[in-house]
Protein backbone atom coordinates (compact mmCIF):
# COMPACT_ATOMS: atom_id res chain seq x y z
CA UNK A 1 36.98 5.31 -41.71
CA UNK A 2 38.53 6.36 -38.40
CA UNK A 3 35.83 8.97 -37.95
CA UNK A 4 33.12 6.36 -38.57
CA UNK A 5 34.65 4.04 -35.92
CA UNK A 6 34.95 6.93 -33.48
CA UNK A 7 31.29 7.91 -33.95
CA UNK A 8 30.16 4.30 -33.49
CA UNK A 9 32.24 3.92 -30.32
CA UNK A 10 30.83 7.14 -28.86
CA UNK A 11 27.27 6.16 -29.75
CA UNK A 12 27.77 2.77 -28.12
CA UNK A 13 29.22 4.37 -24.99
CA UNK A 14 26.39 6.89 -24.71
CA UNK A 15 23.68 4.27 -25.16
CA UNK A 16 25.28 2.02 -22.52
CA UNK A 17 25.48 4.94 -20.07
CA UNK A 18 21.87 5.90 -20.75
CA UNK A 19 20.68 2.34 -20.25
CA UNK A 20 22.45 2.10 -16.90
CA UNK A 21 21.15 5.48 -15.74
CA UNK A 22 17.55 4.39 -16.33
CA UNK A 23 17.81 0.90 -14.89
CA UNK A 24 14.85 0.47 -12.47
CA UNK A 25 16.86 -2.02 -10.41
CA UNK A 26 19.14 0.83 -9.33
CA UNK A 27 16.30 2.92 -7.89
CA UNK A 28 15.88 3.15 -4.15
CA UNK A 29 13.24 0.59 -3.08
CA UNK A 30 11.95 2.93 -0.37
CA UNK A 31 10.85 5.38 -3.05
CA UNK A 32 8.90 2.78 -5.02
CA UNK A 33 6.88 1.26 -2.16
CA UNK A 34 3.73 2.90 -0.87
CA UNK A 35 3.85 4.30 2.66
CA UNK A 36 2.35 1.99 5.25
CA UNK A 37 -1.03 2.85 6.71
CA UNK A 38 -1.46 3.41 10.45
CA UNK A 39 -3.25 0.65 12.34
CA UNK A 40 -6.91 1.16 13.16
CA UNK A 41 -7.67 1.55 16.87
CA UNK A 42 -11.39 2.40 16.73
CA UNK A 43 -14.40 1.03 14.84
CA UNK A 44 -14.62 4.26 12.82
CA UNK A 45 -10.97 3.94 11.81
CA UNK A 46 -11.50 0.29 10.91
CA UNK A 47 -14.17 1.34 8.39
CA UNK A 48 -11.91 4.11 7.00
CA UNK A 49 -9.70 3.13 4.06
CA UNK A 50 -6.89 5.39 5.30
CA UNK A 51 -6.20 2.94 8.13
CA UNK A 52 -4.88 -0.61 7.95
CA UNK A 53 -7.47 -3.36 8.40
CA UNK A 54 -5.00 -6.25 8.13
CA UNK A 55 -6.78 -9.30 9.55
CA UNK A 56 -3.48 -11.09 10.20
CA UNK A 57 -2.66 -8.58 12.96
CA UNK A 58 -4.07 -9.89 16.27
CA UNK A 59 -4.98 -6.41 17.57
CA UNK A 60 -6.87 -5.51 14.40
CA UNK A 61 -8.56 -8.93 14.44
CA UNK A 62 -9.69 -8.35 18.04
CA UNK A 63 -10.93 -4.85 17.17
CA UNK A 64 -12.86 -6.20 14.19
CA UNK A 65 -14.56 -8.85 16.35
CA UNK A 66 -15.45 -6.24 18.99
CA UNK A 67 -16.87 -3.84 16.39
CA UNK A 68 -18.98 -6.58 14.81
CA UNK A 69 -20.29 -7.59 18.25
CA UNK A 70 -21.20 -3.97 19.05
CA UNK A 71 -22.93 -3.62 15.69
CA UNK A 72 -24.99 -6.79 16.26
CA UNK A 73 -25.91 -5.68 19.76
CA UNK A 74 -27.02 -2.30 18.39
CA UNK A 75 -29.15 -3.99 15.74
CA UNK A 76 -30.78 -6.26 18.32
CA UNK A 77 -31.57 -3.28 20.56
CA UNK A 78 -33.06 -1.38 17.62
CA UNK A 79 -35.18 -4.39 16.64
CA UNK A 80 -36.37 -4.85 20.23
CA UNK A 81 -37.62 -1.26 20.38
CA UNK A 82 -39.72 -1.59 17.20
CA UNK A 83 -43.39 -2.33 17.85
CA UNK A 84 -44.65 -5.57 16.43
């Protein structure tokens, strides 16, 4: 009877320790988050998925507007050169 109680107590203690050791809340949050992407500074970087294209950032928003304007201007120039 004493041996049975001792085995149960040890099993309970080991399972409690194992549950605490594997608790995801105890992990370092820096290890679980993805590394931040560098901000795009050129039109080529803006199109690349390795760079951040966050539209809430004013610099990225300005870059995006400038790149779109350059793209439209390039399309207009290409269309103007085509013979009718």
